Amino acid sequence: MVPSPALSLQTTADALFPGTTVRYYYRTGDSLATVVDRSDRFITFLGTECDGRFTYDQIDRLFADDRLEVVLDDRTHVPGDDVTTPSSAD
């Protein structure tokens, strides 16, 4: 009997929408954050200990390097549950 090949799936930026909880690993630790904005070019997340604004390619690299994970959780992880996005120009 020949074993079936393992199915390997990679998470990409396409999985992130406002409200998605992520765990972001950075140099000095890790933190939970919530995706608060998704534009044509950027995805922004905010957390009590971290925030980030990344292009889709950067998000894909973070997933590939195991520095970003989707967390299946129904809580919002932004400072003070404030879901406003930082002002920025695309």
N, C-alpha and C. Protein backbone atom coordinates (compact mmCIF):
# COMPACT_ATOMS: atom_id res chain seq x y z
N MET A 1 0.85 -1.16 0.00
CA MET A 1 0.00 0.00 0.00
C MET A 1 0.90 1.23 0.00
N VAL A 2 0.60 2.17 -0.88
CA VAL A 2 1.36 3.41 -1.00
C VAL A 2 0.67 4.48 -0.17
N PRO A 3 1.42 5.12 0.76
CA PRO A 3 0.77 6.17 1.56
C PRO A 3 0.42 7.38 0.69
N SER A 4 -0.67 8.03 1.03
CA SER A 4 -1.06 9.22 0.27
C SER A 4 -0.14 10.38 0.65
N PRO A 5 0.15 11.25 -0.32
CA PRO A 5 1.02 12.40 -0.01
C PRO A 5 0.34 13.33 0.99
N ALA A 6 1.16 13.92 1.82
CA ALA A 6 0.63 14.86 2.81
C ALA A 6 0.18 16.14 2.13
N LEU A 7 -0.93 16.65 2.57
CA LEU A 7 -1.46 17.90 2.03
C LEU A 7 -0.87 19.04 2.84
N SER A 8 -0.25 19.97 2.15
CA SER A 8 0.35 21.11 2.84
C SER A 8 -0.32 22.39 2.37
N LEU A 9 -0.82 23.14 3.31
CA LEU A 9 -1.48 24.40 3.00
C LEU A 9 -0.72 25.53 3.66
N GLN A 10 -0.58 26.64 2.98
CA GLN A 10 0.11 27.80 3.52
C GLN A 10 -0.89 28.95 3.66
N THR A 11 -0.93 29.55 4.82
CA THR A 11 -1.78 30.72 5.03
C THR A 11 -1.16 31.90 4.31
N THR A 12 -2.00 32.73 3.70
CA THR A 12 -1.54 33.92 3.00
C THR A 12 -2.31 35.14 3.48
N ALA A 13 -1.92 36.29 2.99
CA ALA A 13 -2.58 37.54 3.34
C ALA A 13 -4.06 37.52 2.98
N ASP A 14 -4.44 36.69 2.03
CA ASP A 14 -5.85 36.60 1.62
C ASP A 14 -6.76 36.15 2.76
N ALA A 15 -6.19 35.55 3.82
CA ALA A 15 -6.99 35.06 4.94
C ALA A 15 -7.29 36.15 5.97
N LEU A 16 -6.68 37.32 5.83
CA LEU A 16 -6.83 38.36 6.86
C LEU A 16 -7.84 39.42 6.47
N PHE A 17 -8.81 39.62 7.35
CA PHE A 17 -9.85 40.63 7.18
C PHE A 17 -10.03 41.35 8.51
N PRO A 18 -10.59 42.56 8.51
CA PRO A 18 -10.85 43.24 9.78
C PRO A 18 -11.61 42.32 10.75
N GLY A 19 -11.09 42.28 11.97
CA GLY A 19 -11.67 41.42 12.99
C GLY A 19 -10.89 40.14 13.22
N THR A 20 -10.00 39.77 12.30
CA THR A 20 -9.19 38.57 12.45
C THR A 20 -8.15 38.78 13.55
N THR A 21 -8.04 37.82 14.45
CA THR A 21 -7.02 37.87 15.50
C THR A 21 -5.76 37.18 15.00
N VAL A 22 -4.62 37.82 15.22
CA VAL A 22 -3.33 37.26 14.83
C VAL A 22 -2.37 37.28 16.01
N ARG A 23 -1.40 36.39 15.97
CA ARG A 23 -0.28 36.44 16.90
C ARG A 23 0.94 36.80 16.07
N TYR A 24 1.58 37.93 16.46
CA TYR A 24 2.74 38.44 15.73
C TYR A 24 3.98 38.23 16.59
N TYR A 25 4.97 37.54 16.03
CA TYR A 25 6.23 37.28 16.72
C TYR A 25 7.25 38.30 16.24
N TYR A 26 7.82 39.05 17.17
CA TYR A 26 8.82 40.06 16.83
C TYR A 26 10.09 39.76 17.64
N ARG A 27 11.11 40.57 17.48
CA ARG A 27 12.43 40.27 18.08
C ARG A 27 12.41 40.01 19.57
N THR A 28 11.63 40.78 20.30
CA THR A 28 11.68 40.68 21.76
C THR A 28 10.50 39.92 22.36
N GLY A 29 9.67 39.32 21.54
CA GLY A 29 8.55 38.57 22.07
C GLY A 29 7.46 38.35 21.06
N ASP A 30 6.23 38.25 21.55
CA ASP A 30 5.09 38.07 20.68
C ASP A 30 3.88 38.71 21.33
N SER A 31 2.86 38.97 20.52
CA SER A 31 1.67 39.63 21.03
C SER A 31 0.48 39.31 20.16
N LEU A 32 -0.70 39.35 20.78
CA LEU A 32 -1.94 39.22 20.02
C LEU A 32 -2.34 40.58 19.49
N ALA A 33 -2.95 40.58 18.32
CA ALA A 33 -3.44 41.82 17.71
C ALA A 33 -4.66 41.48 16.87
N THR A 34 -5.38 42.52 16.49
CA THR A 34 -6.57 42.36 15.65
C THR A 34 -6.39 43.15 14.37
N VAL A 35 -6.72 42.51 13.24
CA VAL A 35 -6.69 43.21 11.96
C VAL A 35 -7.78 44.27 12.00
N VAL A 36 -7.39 45.53 11.73
CA VAL A 36 -8.36 46.63 11.80
C VAL A 36 -8.61 47.27 10.45
N ASP A 37 -7.73 47.00 9.46
CA ASP A 37 -7.93 47.61 8.14
C ASP A 37 -7.28 46.73 7.08
N ARG A 38 -7.95 46.68 5.95
CA ARG A 38 -7.43 45.95 4.79
C ARG A 38 -7.74 46.81 3.57
N SER A 39 -6.69 47.29 2.91
CA SER A 39 -6.88 48.10 1.71
C SER A 39 -6.35 47.31 0.51
N ASP A 40 -6.29 47.95 -0.64
CA ASP A 40 -5.76 47.28 -1.83
C ASP A 40 -4.27 46.97 -1.70
N ARG A 41 -3.57 47.72 -0.84
CA ARG A 41 -2.11 47.55 -0.72
C ARG A 41 -1.64 47.07 0.64
N PHE A 42 -2.39 47.39 1.71
CA PHE A 42 -1.89 47.14 3.05
C PHE A 42 -2.91 46.42 3.93
N ILE A 43 -2.37 45.72 4.93
CA ILE A 43 -3.17 45.15 6.01
C ILE A 43 -2.60 45.72 7.30
N THR A 44 -3.48 46.25 8.15
CA THR A 44 -3.06 46.87 9.40
C THR A 44 -3.65 46.11 10.57
N PHE A 45 -2.81 45.82 11.57
CA PHE A 45 -3.32 45.23 12.80
C PHE A 45 -2.81 46.01 14.00
N LEU A 46 -3.62 46.00 15.06
CA LEU A 46 -3.30 46.70 16.30
C LEU A 46 -3.45 45.74 17.47
N GLY A 47 -2.56 45.89 18.45
CA GLY A 47 -2.64 45.10 19.67
C GLY A 47 -2.19 45.94 20.84
N THR A 48 -2.31 45.39 22.03
CA THR A 48 -1.91 46.15 23.21
C THR A 48 -0.41 46.32 23.29
N GLU A 49 0.36 45.40 22.69
CA GLU A 49 1.81 45.47 22.76
C GLU A 49 2.47 45.61 21.39
N CYS A 50 1.70 45.62 20.33
CA CYS A 50 2.30 45.73 18.99
C CYS A 50 1.26 46.27 18.01
N ASP A 51 1.75 46.81 16.93
CA ASP A 51 0.90 47.16 15.81
C ASP A 51 1.74 47.04 14.55
N GLY A 52 1.09 46.93 13.43
CA GLY A 52 1.82 46.78 12.18
C GLY A 52 0.98 47.15 10.99
N ARG A 53 1.66 47.60 9.97
CA ARG A 53 1.03 47.92 8.69
C ARG A 53 1.94 47.34 7.63
N PHE A 54 1.48 46.31 6.93
CA PHE A 54 2.32 45.56 6.02
C PHE A 54 1.65 45.41 4.66
N THR A 55 2.47 45.27 3.62
CA THR A 55 1.95 44.95 2.30
C THR A 55 1.55 43.47 2.30
N TYR A 56 0.83 43.05 1.30
CA TYR A 56 0.41 41.66 1.18
C TYR A 56 1.64 40.75 1.08
N ASP A 57 2.65 41.15 0.31
CA ASP A 57 3.88 40.35 0.19
C ASP A 57 4.58 40.21 1.53
N GLN A 58 4.64 41.28 2.31
CA GLN A 58 5.27 41.22 3.63
C GLN A 58 4.50 40.27 4.55
N ILE A 59 3.17 40.34 4.50
CA ILE A 59 2.35 39.43 5.32
C ILE A 59 2.62 37.98 4.92
N ASP A 60 2.69 37.70 3.61
CA ASP A 60 2.97 36.34 3.15
C ASP A 60 4.32 35.86 3.65
N ARG A 61 5.33 36.73 3.67
CA ARG A 61 6.65 36.35 4.19
C ARG A 61 6.60 36.10 5.69
N LEU A 62 5.84 36.91 6.43
CA LEU A 62 5.70 36.68 7.87
C LEU A 62 5.06 35.32 8.14
N PHE A 63 4.03 34.96 7.37
CA PHE A 63 3.43 33.63 7.52
C PHE A 63 4.44 32.53 7.19
N ALA A 64 5.16 32.68 6.09
CA ALA A 64 6.14 31.67 5.66
C ALA A 64 7.25 31.48 6.68
N ASP A 65 7.63 32.56 7.36
CA ASP A 65 8.70 32.51 8.36
C ASP A 65 8.18 32.18 9.76
N ASP A 66 6.90 31.81 9.87
CA ASP A 66 6.26 31.49 11.15
C ASP A 66 6.34 32.65 12.14
N ARG A 67 6.27 33.87 11.64
CA ARG A 67 6.28 35.05 12.50
C ARG A 67 4.88 35.64 12.66
N LEU A 68 3.91 35.08 11.96
CA LEU A 68 2.53 35.54 12.05
C LEU A 68 1.63 34.32 11.97
N GLU A 69 0.64 34.28 12.87
CA GLU A 69 -0.31 33.17 12.90
C GLU A 69 -1.72 33.73 13.03
N VAL A 70 -2.68 33.07 12.40
CA VAL A 70 -4.09 33.39 12.61
C VAL A 70 -4.52 32.67 13.89
N VAL A 71 -5.20 33.38 14.77
CA VAL A 71 -5.67 32.82 16.03
C VAL A 71 -7.19 32.70 15.95
N LEU A 72 -7.68 31.53 16.23
CA LEU A 72 -9.13 31.31 16.21
C LEU A 72 -9.67 31.69 17.58
N ASP A 73 -10.16 32.91 17.66
CA ASP A 73 -10.58 33.49 18.92
C ASP A 73 -11.68 34.50 18.62
N ASP A 74 -12.60 34.67 19.53
CA ASP A 74 -13.68 35.61 19.27
C ASP A 74 -13.49 36.93 20.00
N ARG A 75 -12.30 37.19 20.54
CA ARG A 75 -12.02 38.44 21.24
C ARG A 75 -11.30 39.42 20.33
N THR A 76 -11.46 40.67 20.63
CA THR A 76 -10.75 41.72 19.91
C THR A 76 -9.52 42.10 20.73
N HIS A 77 -8.35 42.16 20.09
CA HIS A 77 -7.09 42.42 20.78
C HIS A 77 -6.48 43.73 20.30
N VAL A 78 -7.19 44.81 20.55
CA VAL A 78 -6.67 46.14 20.24
C VAL A 78 -6.72 46.97 21.52
N PRO A 79 -5.85 47.97 21.64
CA PRO A 79 -5.86 48.77 22.86
C PRO A 79 -7.23 49.39 23.12
N GLY A 80 -7.80 49.08 24.26
CA GLY A 80 -9.09 49.65 24.63
C GLY A 80 -10.21 49.29 23.68
N ASP A 81 -10.07 48.20 22.95
CA ASP A 81 -11.05 47.79 21.94
C ASP A 81 -11.32 48.90 20.94
N ASP A 82 -10.33 49.75 20.71
CA ASP A 82 -10.44 50.84 19.75
C ASP A 82 -10.10 50.31 18.37
N VAL A 83 -11.07 50.23 17.49
CA VAL A 83 -10.84 49.66 16.18
C VAL A 83 -10.62 50.71 15.10
N THR A 84 -10.30 51.93 15.50
CA THR A 84 -9.97 52.93 14.50
C THR A 84 -8.57 52.65 13.98
N THR A 85 -8.33 53.01 12.74
CA THR A 85 -7.03 52.75 12.15
C THR A 85 -6.15 53.98 12.21
N PRO A 86 -4.84 53.78 12.29
CA PRO A 86 -3.95 54.92 12.26
C PRO A 86 -4.08 55.65 10.93
N SER A 87 -3.97 56.96 10.95
CA SER A 87 -4.07 57.70 9.70
C SER A 87 -2.85 57.43 8.85
N SER A 88 -3.09 57.12 7.59
CA SER A 88 -1.99 56.83 6.68
C SER A 88 -2.48 57.01 5.26
N ALA A 89 -1.55 57.30 4.39
CA ALA A 89 -1.87 57.43 2.98
C ALA A 89 -1.41 56.18 2.27
N ASP A 90 -2.27 55.62 1.45
CA ASP A 90 -1.89 54.43 0.68
C ASP A 90 -1.05 54.92 -0.42
